[in-house]
Amino acid sequence: GNRVFVTYYVGRTWTNTPAGAIYVSGLPFTVELAASNANYHYVATYNVDFGGGMTMGVPSAGGTNLQLYQVTNNGAWTAINWTTHTNGTTIYLTGSFSYSV
């Protein structure tokens, strides 16, 4: 088939200090170029603080990455990064999704 199922887990602990955007790289196959919103998915979080809303994962159409976004109650989408959308402590993000190749 042409369907890939992915489960991921990313996080920051007291012993590491990553910077930049929070994303998952190295998906096993390239996401279909004509990927639809059906590939977007909810992400479970722990200690992520961006003032409400929810976290969504968006696979890059034609790529092998997954970008994580904050979706606020007013509908704005903002990329989550390690420094501005966290409360400075240990954080974790996890999710599962499928996509077509």
PDB file of N, CA and C in Angstrom:
ATOM      1  N   GLY A   1       0.823  -1.189   0.000  1.00  0.00           N
ATOM      2  CA  GLY A   1       0.000   0.000   0.000  1.00  0.00           C
ATOM      3  C   GLY A   1       0.864   1.249   0.000  1.00  0.00           C
ATOM      4  N   ASN A   2       0.168   2.340   0.002  1.00  0.00           N
ATOM      5  CA  ASN A   2       0.873   3.621  -0.015  1.00  0.00           C
ATOM      6  C   ASN A   2       0.626   4.424   1.263  1.00  0.00           C
ATOM      7  N   ARG A   3       0.298   3.765   2.361  1.00  0.00           N
ATOM      8  CA  ARG A   3      -0.010   4.431   3.631  1.00  0.00           C
ATOM      9  C   ARG A   3       1.094   4.129   4.646  1.00  0.00           C
ATOM     10  N   VAL A   4       1.590   5.185   5.292  1.00  0.00           N
ATOM     11  CA  VAL A   4       2.637   5.058   6.304  1.00  0.00           C
ATOM     12  C   VAL A   4       2.050   5.480   7.649  1.00  0.00           C
ATOM     13  N   PHE A   5       2.308   4.704   8.693  1.00  0.00           N
ATOM     14  CA  PHE A   5       1.833   5.015  10.047  1.00  0.00           C
ATOM     15  C   PHE A   5       3.039   5.382  10.906  1.00  0.00           C
ATOM     16  N   VAL A   6       2.930   6.506  11.600  1.00  0.00           N
ATOM     17  CA  VAL A   6       4.048   7.038  12.370  1.00  0.00           C
ATOM     18  C   VAL A   6       3.598   7.356  13.800  1.00  0.00           C
ATOM     19  N   THR A   7       4.412   6.986  14.759  1.00  0.00           N
ATOM     20  CA  THR A   7       4.259   7.415  16.150  1.00  0.00           C
ATOM     21  C   THR A   7       5.574   8.070  16.538  1.00  0.00           C
ATOM     22  N   TYR A   8       5.506   9.233  17.193  1.00  0.00           N
ATOM     23  CA  TYR A   8       6.725   9.950  17.548  1.00  0.00           C
ATOM     24  C   TYR A   8       6.636  10.522  18.957  1.00  0.00           C
ATOM     25  N   TYR A   9       7.809  10.876  19.463  1.00  0.00           N
ATOM     26  CA  TYR A   9       7.940  11.447  20.799  1.00  0.00           C
ATOM     27  C   TYR A   9       9.160  12.353  20.772  1.00  0.00           C
ATOM     28  N   VAL A  10       8.985  13.621  21.098  1.00  0.00           N
ATOM     29  CA  VAL A  10      10.103  14.554  21.189  1.00  0.00           C
ATOM     30  C   VAL A  10      10.024  15.251  22.533  1.00  0.00           C
ATOM     31  N   GLY A  11      11.158  15.690  23.035  1.00  0.00           N
ATOM     32  CA  GLY A  11      11.140  16.359  24.321  1.00  0.00           C
ATOM     33  C   GLY A  11      12.430  17.066  24.648  1.00  0.00           C
ATOM     34  N   ARG A  12      12.337  17.847  25.692  1.00  0.00           N
ATOM     35  CA  ARG A  12      13.503  18.550  26.227  1.00  0.00           C
ATOM     36  C   ARG A  12      13.566  18.255  27.719  1.00  0.00           C
ATOM     37  N   THR A  13      14.749  17.915  28.204  1.00  0.00           N
ATOM     38  CA  THR A  13      14.928  17.615  29.622  1.00  0.00           C
ATOM     39  C   THR A  13      15.775  18.701  30.255  1.00  0.00           C
ATOM     40  N   TRP A  14      16.037  18.534  31.514  1.00  0.00           N
ATOM     41  CA  TRP A  14      16.901  19.475  32.230  1.00  0.00           C
ATOM     42  C   TRP A  14      18.324  19.430  31.696  1.00  0.00           C
ATOM     43  N   THR A  15      18.715  18.382  31.011  1.00  0.00           N
ATOM     44  CA  THR A  15      20.105  18.226  30.599  1.00  0.00           C
ATOM     45  C   THR A  15      20.380  18.623  29.158  1.00  0.00           C
ATOM     46  N   ASN A  16      19.367  18.975  28.401  1.00  0.00           N
ATOM     47  CA  ASN A  16      19.638  19.447  27.042  1.00  0.00           C
ATOM     48  C   ASN A  16      18.873  20.744  26.794  1.00  0.00           C
ATOM     49  N   THR A  17      19.386  21.579  25.906  1.00  0.00           N
ATOM     50  CA  THR A  17      18.763  22.872  25.620  1.00  0.00           C
ATOM     51  C   THR A  17      18.705  23.105  24.117  1.00  0.00           C
ATOM     52  N   PRO A  18      17.826  22.412  23.418  1.00  0.00           N
ATOM     53  CA  PRO A  18      17.711  22.633  21.974  1.00  0.00           C
ATOM     54  C   PRO A  18      17.160  24.025  21.691  1.00  0.00           C
ATOM     55  N   ALA A  19      17.370  24.493  20.488  1.00  0.00           N
ATOM     56  CA  ALA A  19      16.855  25.795  20.061  1.00  0.00           C
ATOM     57  C   ALA A  19      16.187  25.633  18.701  1.00  0.00           C
ATOM     58  N   GLY A  20      15.396  26.614  18.309  1.00  0.00           N
ATOM     59  CA  GLY A  20      14.755  26.601  17.003  1.00  0.00           C
ATOM     60  C   GLY A  20      13.403  25.918  17.033  1.00  0.00           C
ATOM     61  N   ALA A  21      12.884  25.660  15.846  1.00  0.00           N
ATOM     62  CA  ALA A  21      11.555  25.076  15.685  1.00  0.00           C
ATOM     63  C   ALA A  21      11.507  23.652  16.211  1.00  0.00           C
ATOM     64  N   ILE A  22      10.330  23.269  16.710  1.00  0.00           N
ATOM     65  CA  ILE A  22      10.121  21.889  17.141  1.00  0.00           C
ATOM     66  C   ILE A  22       9.518  21.134  15.960  1.00  0.00           C
ATOM     67  N   TYR A  23      10.251  20.150  15.479  1.00  0.00           N
ATOM     68  CA  TYR A  23       9.758  19.343  14.371  1.00  0.00           C
ATOM     69  C   TYR A  23      10.311  17.938  14.488  1.00  0.00           C
ATOM     70  N   VAL A  24       9.722  17.054  13.724  1.00  0.00           N
ATOM     71  CA  VAL A  24      10.188  15.677  13.634  1.00  0.00           C
ATOM     72  C   VAL A  24      10.742  15.515  12.223  1.00  0.00           C
ATOM     73  N   SER A  25      11.979  15.097  12.118  1.00  0.00           N
ATOM     74  CA  SER A  25      12.582  14.923  10.795  1.00  0.00           C
ATOM     75  C   SER A  25      12.840  13.451  10.541  1.00  0.00           C
ATOM     76  N   GLY A  26      13.096  13.140   9.292  1.00  0.00           N
ATOM     77  CA  GLY A  26      13.450  11.771   8.934  1.00  0.00           C
ATOM     78  C   GLY A  26      12.275  10.812   8.856  1.00  0.00           C
ATOM     79  N   LEU A  27      11.101  11.310   8.433  1.00  0.00           N
ATOM     80  CA  LEU A  27       9.996  10.376   8.206  1.00  0.00           C
ATOM     81  C   LEU A  27      10.480   9.311   7.226  1.00  0.00           C
ATOM     82  N   PRO A  28      10.012   8.082   7.346  1.00  0.00           N
ATOM     83  CA  PRO A  28      10.589   6.992   6.561  1.00  0.00           C
ATOM     84  C   PRO A  28      10.378   7.098   5.050  1.00  0.00           C
ATOM     85  N   PHE A  29       9.337   7.799   4.619  1.00  0.00           N
ATOM     86  CA  PHE A  29       9.065   7.981   3.194  1.00  0.00           C
ATOM     87  C   PHE A  29       8.618   9.413   2.968  1.00  0.00           C
ATOM     88  N   THR A  30       8.782   9.899   1.758  1.00  0.00           N
ATOM     89  CA  THR A  30       8.358  11.253   1.405  1.00  0.00           C
ATOM     90  C   THR A  30       6.839  11.353   1.441  1.00  0.00           C
ATOM     91  N   VAL A  31       6.345  12.415   2.084  1.00  0.00           N
ATOM     92  CA  VAL A  31       4.906  12.665   2.158  1.00  0.00           C
ATOM     93  C   VAL A  31       4.411  13.026   0.762  1.00  0.00           C
ATOM     94  N   GLU A  32       3.262  12.492   0.389  1.00  0.00           N
ATOM     95  CA  GLU A  32       2.670  12.766  -0.912  1.00  0.00           C
ATOM     96  C   GLU A  32       2.665  14.270  -1.174  1.00  0.00           C
ATOM     97  N   LEU A  33       3.060  14.678  -2.377  1.00  0.00           N
ATOM     98  CA  LEU A  33       3.137  16.088  -2.728  1.00  0.00           C
ATOM     99  C   LEU A  33       1.777  16.769  -2.632  1.00  0.00           C
ATOM    100  N   ALA A  34       0.725  16.039  -2.973  1.00  0.00           N
ATOM    101  CA  ALA A  34      -0.629  16.613  -2.926  1.00  0.00           C
ATOM    102  C   ALA A  34      -1.297  16.296  -1.588  1.00  0.00           C
ATOM    103  N   ALA A  35      -0.502  16.320  -0.498  1.00  0.00           N
ATOM    104  CA  ALA A  35      -1.049  15.988   0.827  1.00  0.00           C
ATOM    105  C   ALA A  35      -2.170  16.953   1.195  1.00  0.00           C
ATOM    106  N   SER A  36      -3.182  16.424   1.855  1.00  0.00           N
ATOM    107  CA  SER A  36      -4.333  17.249   2.235  1.00  0.00           C
ATOM    108  C   SER A  36      -4.342  17.496   3.730  1.00  0.00           C
ATOM    109  N   ASN A  37      -5.288  18.297   4.171  1.00  0.00           N
ATOM    110  CA  ASN A  37      -5.445  18.576   5.596  1.00  0.00           C
ATOM    111  C   ASN A  37      -5.728  17.317   6.399  1.00  0.00           C
ATOM    112  N   ALA A  38      -6.083  16.230   5.752  1.00  0.00           N
ATOM    113  CA  ALA A  38      -6.362  14.979   6.461  1.00  0.00           C
ATOM    114  C   ALA A  38      -5.125  14.466   7.179  1.00  0.00           C
ATOM    115  N   ASN A  39      -3.939  14.904   6.769  1.00  0.00           N
ATOM    116  CA  ASN A  39      -2.698  14.473   7.414  1.00  0.00           C
ATOM    117  C   ASN A  39      -2.407  15.259   8.687  1.00  0.00           C
ATOM    118  N   TYR A  40      -3.085  16.384   8.923  1.00  0.00           N
ATOM    119  CA  TYR A  40      -2.885  17.167  10.141  1.00  0.00           C
ATOM    120  C   TYR A  40      -3.407  16.350  11.308  1.00  0.00           C
ATOM    121  N   HIS A  41      -2.791  16.485  12.471  1.00  0.00           N
ATOM    122  CA  HIS A  41      -3.227  15.689  13.609  1.00  0.00           C
ATOM    123  C   HIS A  41      -2.949  16.407  14.926  1.00  0.00           C
ATOM    124  N   TYR A  42      -3.705  16.050  15.934  1.00  0.00           N
ATOM    125  CA  TYR A  42      -3.544  16.611  17.272  1.00  0.00           C
ATOM    126  C   TYR A  42      -2.298  16.015  17.923  1.00  0.00           C
ATOM    127  N   VAL A  43      -1.598  16.835  18.706  1.00  0.00           N
ATOM    128  CA  VAL A  43      -0.386  16.408  19.397  1.00  0.00           C
ATOM    129  C   VAL A  43      -0.603  16.527  20.904  1.00  0.00           C
ATOM    130  N   ALA A  44      -0.339  15.473  21.642  1.00  0.00           N
ATOM    131  CA  ALA A  44      -0.415  15.526  23.102  1.00  0.00           C
ATOM    132  C   ALA A  44       0.844  16.205  23.629  1.00  0.00           C
ATOM    133  N   THR A  45       0.688  17.103  24.613  1.00  0.00           N
ATOM    134  CA  THR A  45       1.827  17.844  25.137  1.00  0.00           C
ATOM    135  C   THR A  45       1.887  17.772  26.661  1.00  0.00           C
ATOM    136  N   TYR A  46       3.079  18.000  27.181  1.00  0.00           N
ATOM    137  CA  TYR A  46       3.288  18.106  28.622  1.00  0.00           C
ATOM    138  C   TYR A  46       4.204  19.297  28.867  1.00  0.00           C
ATOM    139  N   ASN A  47       3.746  20.259  29.647  1.00  0.00           N
ATOM    140  CA  ASN A  47       4.487  21.469  30.013  1.00  0.00           C
ATOM    141  C   ASN A  47       4.717  22.432  28.854  1.00  0.00           C
ATOM    142  N   VAL A  48       3.938  22.374  27.797  1.00  0.00           N
ATOM    143  CA  VAL A  48       4.018  23.362  26.731  1.00  0.00           C
ATOM    144  C   VAL A  48       3.044  24.476  27.096  1.00  0.00           C
ATOM    145  N   ASP A  49       3.515  25.717  27.086  1.00  0.00           N
ATOM    146  CA  ASP A  49       2.708  26.841  27.543  1.00  0.00           C
ATOM    147  C   ASP A  49       2.687  27.935  26.483  1.00  0.00           C
ATOM    148  N   PHE A  50       1.589  28.012  25.740  1.00  0.00           N
ATOM    149  CA  PHE A  50       1.450  29.099  24.780  1.00  0.00           C
ATOM    150  C   PHE A  50       0.106  29.788  24.915  1.00  0.00           C
ATOM    151  N   GLY A  51      -0.487  29.713  26.085  1.00  0.00           N
ATOM    152  CA  GLY A  51      -1.672  30.504  26.386  1.00  0.00           C
ATOM    153  C   GLY A  51      -2.976  30.002  25.815  1.00  0.00           C
ATOM    154  N   GLY A  52      -3.157  28.731  25.678  1.00  0.00           N
ATOM    155  CA  GLY A  52      -4.431  28.194  25.215  1.00  0.00           C
ATOM    156  C   GLY A  52      -4.350  27.634  23.813  1.00  0.00           C
ATOM    157  N   GLY A  53      -5.454  27.118  23.337  1.00  0.00           N
ATOM    158  CA  GLY A  53      -5.485  26.507  22.026  1.00  0.00           C
ATOM    159  C   GLY A  53      -5.035  25.058  22.092  1.00  0.00           C
ATOM    160  N   MET A  54      -4.471  24.570  20.997  1.00  0.00           N
ATOM    161  CA  MET A  54      -4.016  23.187  20.940  1.00  0.00           C
ATOM    162  C   MET A  54      -2.787  23.105  20.066  1.00  0.00           C
ATOM    163  N   THR A  55      -2.156  21.954  20.083  1.00  0.00           N
ATOM    164  CA  THR A  55      -0.956  21.721  19.282  1.00  0.00           C
ATOM    165  C   THR A  55      -1.311  20.780  18.140  1.00  0.00           C
ATOM    166  N   MET A  56      -0.871  21.135  16.933  1.00  0.00           N
ATOM    167  CA  MET A  56      -1.140  20.327  15.748  1.00  0.00           C
ATOM    168  C   MET A  56       0.173  19.968  15.059  1.00  0.00           C
ATOM    169  N   GLY A  57       0.219  18.771  14.482  1.00  0.00           N
ATOM    170  CA  GLY A  57       1.341  18.336  13.672  1.00  0.00           C
ATOM    171  C   GLY A  57       0.960  18.408  12.206  1.00  0.00           C
ATOM    172  N   VAL A  58       1.861  18.947  11.391  1.00  0.00           N
ATOM    173  CA  VAL A  58       1.586  19.109   9.963  1.00  0.00           C
ATOM    174  C   VAL A  58       2.747  18.531   9.162  1.00  0.00           C
ATOM    175  N   PRO A  59       2.552  17.379   8.512  1.00  0.00           N
ATOM    176  CA  PRO A  59       3.600  16.822   7.656  1.00  0.00           C
ATOM    177  C   PRO A  59       3.860  17.734   6.450  1.00  0.00           C
ATOM    178  N   SER A  60       5.123  17.856   6.060  1.00  0.00           N
ATOM    179  CA  SER A  60       5.494  18.690   4.923  1.00  0.00           C
ATOM    180  C   SER A  60       5.214  17.949   3.622  1.00  0.00           C
ATOM    181  N   ALA A  61       4.279  18.449   2.822  1.00  0.00           N
ATOM    182  CA  ALA A  61       3.962  17.829   1.535  1.00  0.00           C
ATOM    183  C   ALA A  61       5.213  17.809   0.664  1.00  0.00           C
ATOM    184  N   GLY A  62       5.561  16.647   0.137  1.00  0.00           N
ATOM    185  CA  GLY A  62       6.743  16.499  -0.692  1.00  0.00           C
ATOM    186  C   GLY A  62       8.039  16.428   0.101  1.00  0.00           C
ATOM    187  N   GLY A  63       7.945  16.313   1.428  1.00  0.00           N
ATOM    188  CA  GLY A  63       9.137  16.271   2.271  1.00  0.00           C
ATOM    189  C   GLY A  63       9.107  15.095   3.227  1.00  0.00           C
ATOM    190  N   THR A  64      10.050  15.094   4.166  1.00  0.00           N
ATOM    191  CA  THR A  64      10.133  14.017   5.149  1.00  0.00           C
ATOM    192  C   THR A  64      10.173  14.577   6.573  1.00  0.00           C
ATOM    193  N   ASN A  65       9.533  15.732   6.766  1.00  0.00           N
ATOM    194  CA  ASN A  65       9.489  16.370   8.080  1.00  0.00           C
ATOM    195  C   ASN A  65       8.059  16.584   8.534  1.00  0.00           C
ATOM    196  N   LEU A  66       7.931  16.797   9.834  1.00  0.00           N
ATOM    197  CA  LEU A  66       6.650  17.110  10.458  1.00  0.00           C
ATOM    198  C   LEU A  66       6.883  18.346  11.319  1.00  0.00           C
ATOM    199  N   GLN A  67       6.178  19.443  11.052  1.00  0.00           N
ATOM    200  CA  GLN A  67       6.311  20.681  11.824  1.00  0.00           C
ATOM    201  C   GLN A  67       5.208  20.734  12.867  1.00  0.00           C
ATOM    202  N   LEU A  68       5.517  21.226  14.062  1.00  0.00           N
ATOM    203  CA  LEU A  68       4.531  21.337  15.132  1.00  0.00           C
ATOM    204  C   LEU A  68       4.095  22.790  15.290  1.00  0.00           C
ATOM    205  N   TYR A  69       2.771  22.997  15.384  1.00  0.00           N
ATOM    206  CA  TYR A  69       2.181  24.332  15.435  1.00  0.00           C
ATOM    207  C   TYR A  69       1.268  24.491  16.637  1.00  0.00           C
ATOM    208  N   GLN A  70       1.168  25.726  17.109  1.00  0.00           N
ATOM    209  CA  GLN A  70       0.178  26.129  18.093  1.00  0.00           C
ATOM    210  C   GLN A  70      -1.007  26.684  17.308  1.00  0.00           C
ATOM    211  N   VAL A  71      -2.202  26.248  17.672  1.00  0.00           N
ATOM    212  CA  VAL A  71      -3.414  26.777  17.054  1.00  0.00           C
ATOM    213  C   VAL A  71      -4.214  27.427  18.176  1.00  0.00           C
ATOM    214  N   THR A  72      -4.356  28.733  18.119  1.00  0.00           N
ATOM    215  CA  THR A  72      -5.046  29.444  19.187  1.00  0.00           C
ATOM    216  C   THR A  72      -6.545  29.466  18.950  1.00  0.00           C
ATOM    217  N   ASN A  73      -7.263  29.888  19.962  1.00  0.00           N
ATOM    218  CA  ASN A  73      -8.722  29.928  19.877  1.00  0.00           C
ATOM    219  C   ASN A  73      -9.216  30.861  18.781  1.00  0.00           C
ATOM    220  N   ASN A  74      -8.407  31.861  18.371  1.00  0.00           N
ATOM    221  CA  ASN A  74      -8.829  32.759  17.296  1.00  0.00           C
ATOM    222  C   ASN A  74      -8.469  32.224  15.916  1.00  0.00           C
ATOM    223  N   GLY A  75      -7.891  31.020  15.871  1.00  0.00           N
ATOM    224  CA  GLY A  75      -7.609  30.375  14.596  1.00  0.00           C
ATOM    225  C   GLY A  75      -6.226  30.612  14.031  1.00  0.00           C
ATOM    226  N   ALA A  76      -5.362  31.371  14.734  1.00  0.00           N
ATOM    227  CA  ALA A  76      -4.016  31.628  14.231  1.00  0.00           C
ATOM    228  C   ALA A  76      -3.125  30.389  14.404  1.00  0.00           C
ATOM    229  N   TRP A  77      -2.275  30.110  13.406  1.00  0.00           N
ATOM    230  CA  TRP A  77      -1.323  28.999  13.461  1.00  0.00           C
ATOM    231  C   TRP A  77       0.079  29.596  13.594  1.00  0.00           C
ATOM    232  N   THR A  78       0.825  29.179  14.631  1.00  0.00           N
ATOM    233  CA  THR A  78       2.180  29.669  14.860  1.00  0.00           C
ATOM    234  C   THR A  78       3.083  28.471  15.098  1.00  0.00           C
ATOM    235  N   ALA A  79       4.222  28.443  14.414  1.00  0.00           N
ATOM    236  CA  ALA A  79       5.174  27.353  14.629  1.00  0.00           C
ATOM    237  C   ALA A  79       5.654  27.384  16.076  1.00  0.00           C
ATOM    238  N   ILE A  80       5.736  26.222  16.699  1.00  0.00           N
ATOM    239  CA  ILE A  80       6.211  26.118  18.071  1.00  0.00           C
ATOM    240  C   ILE A  80       7.732  26.010  18.035  1.00  0.00           C
ATOM    241  N   ASN A  81       8.396  26.743  18.916  1.00  0.00           N
ATOM    242  CA  ASN A  81       9.836  26.571  19.034  1.00  0.00           C
ATOM    243  C   ASN A  81      10.193  26.260  20.479  1.00  0.00           C
ATOM    244  N   TRP A  82      11.410  25.817  20.691  1.00  0.00           N
ATOM    245  CA  TRP A  82      11.836  25.322  22.007  1.00  0.00           C
ATOM    246  C   TRP A  82      11.899  26.407  23.063  1.00  0.00           C
ATOM    247  N   THR A  83      12.018  27.662  22.684  1.00  0.00           N
ATOM    248  CA  THR A  83      12.227  28.699  23.686  1.00  0.00           C
ATOM    249  C   THR A  83      11.007  29.554  23.980  1.00  0.00           C
ATOM    250  N   THR A  84      10.198  29.901  23.006  1.00  0.00           N
ATOM    251  CA  THR A  84       9.100  30.840  23.268  1.00  0.00           C
ATOM    252  C   THR A  84       7.784  30.177  23.624  1.00  0.00           C
ATOM    253  N   HIS A  85       7.613  28.905  23.356  1.00  0.00           N
ATOM    254  CA  HIS A  85       6.338  28.244  23.636  1.00  0.00           C
ATOM    255  C   HIS A  85       6.449  27.197  24.725  1.00  0.00           C
ATOM    256  N   THR A  86       7.450  27.318  25.555  1.00  0.00           N
ATOM    257  CA  THR A  86       7.616  26.376  26.649  1.00  0.00           C
ATOM    258  C   THR A  86       7.804  27.148  27.943  1.00  0.00           C
ATOM    259  N   ASN A  87       7.623  26.489  29.042  1.00  0.00           N
ATOM    260  CA  ASN A  87       7.728  27.175  30.326  1.00  0.00           C
ATOM    261  C   ASN A  87       9.101  27.043  30.972  1.00  0.00           C
ATOM    262  N   GLY A  88      10.101  26.665  30.201  1.00  0.00           N
ATOM    263  CA  GLY A  88      11.457  26.616  30.700  1.00  0.00           C
ATOM    264  C   GLY A  88      11.838  25.355  31.451  1.00  0.00           C
ATOM    265  N   THR A  89      10.965  24.370  31.494  1.00  0.00           N
ATOM    266  CA  THR A  89      11.271  23.123  32.192  1.00  0.00           C
ATOM    267  C   THR A  89      11.221  21.966  31.208  1.00  0.00           C
ATOM    268  N   THR A  90      11.186  20.775  31.731  1.00  0.00           N
ATOM    269  CA  THR A  90      11.065  19.578  30.896  1.00  0.00           C
ATOM    270  C   THR A  90       9.761  19.623  30.120  1.00  0.00           C
ATOM    271  N   ILE A  91       9.817  19.360  28.815  1.00  0.00           N
ATOM    272  CA  ILE A  91       8.604  19.312  28.000  1.00  0.00           C
ATOM    273  C   ILE A  91       8.623  18.065  27.128  1.00  0.00           C
ATOM    274  N   TYR A  92       7.432  17.603  26.769  1.00  0.00           N
ATOM    275  CA  TYR A  92       7.290  16.443  25.890  1.00  0.00           C
ATOM    276  C   TYR A  92       6.132  16.674  24.931  1.00  0.00           C
ATOM    277  N   LEU A  93       6.282  16.179  23.708  1.00  0.00           N
ATOM    278  CA  LEU A  93       5.228  16.213  22.708  1.00  0.00           C
ATOM    279  C   LEU A  93       5.198  14.846  22.042  1.00  0.00           C
ATOM    280  N   THR A  94       4.006  14.313  21.856  1.00  0.00           N
ATOM    281  CA  THR A  94       3.901  12.996  21.241  1.00  0.00           C
ATOM    282  C   THR A  94       2.653  12.935  20.370  1.00  0.00           C
ATOM    283  N   GLY A  95       2.680  12.119  19.348  1.00  0.00           N
ATOM    284  CA  GLY A  95       1.531  11.971  18.477  1.00  0.00           C
ATOM    285  C   GLY A  95       1.655  10.763  17.573  1.00  0.00           C
ATOM    286  N   SER A  96       0.558  10.451  16.909  1.00  0.00           N
ATOM    287  CA  SER A  96       0.504   9.378  15.917  1.00  0.00           C
ATOM    288  C   SER A  96      -0.298   9.876  14.742  1.00  0.00           C
ATOM    289  N   PHE A  97       0.111   9.494  13.554  1.00  0.00           N
ATOM    290  CA  PHE A  97      -0.624   9.887  12.360  1.00  0.00           C
ATOM    291  C   PHE A  97      -0.263   8.943  11.222  1.00  0.00           C
ATOM    292  N   SER A  98      -0.971   9.079  10.135  1.00  0.00           N
ATOM    293  CA  SER A  98      -0.642   8.320   8.932  1.00  0.00           C
ATOM    294  C   SER A  98      -0.646   9.289   7.760  1.00  0.00           C
ATOM    295  N   TYR A  99       0.087   8.910   6.736  1.00  0.00           N
ATOM    296  CA  TYR A  99       0.129   9.743   5.524  1.00  0.00           C
ATOM    297  C   TYR A  99       0.319   8.854   4.309  1.00  0.00           C
ATOM    298  N   SER A 100       0.005   9.399   3.150  1.00  0.00           N
ATOM    299  CA  SER A 100       0.167   8.640   1.911  1.00  0.00           C
ATOM    300  C   SER A 100       1.428   9.098   1.184  1.00  0.00           C
ATOM    301  N   VAL A 101       1.995   8.153   0.425  1.00  0.00           N
ATOM    302  CA  VAL A 101       3.230   8.417  -0.298  1.00  0.00           C
ATOM    303  C   VAL A 101       2.992   8.325  -1.787  1.00  0.00           C
TER     304      VAL A 101
END
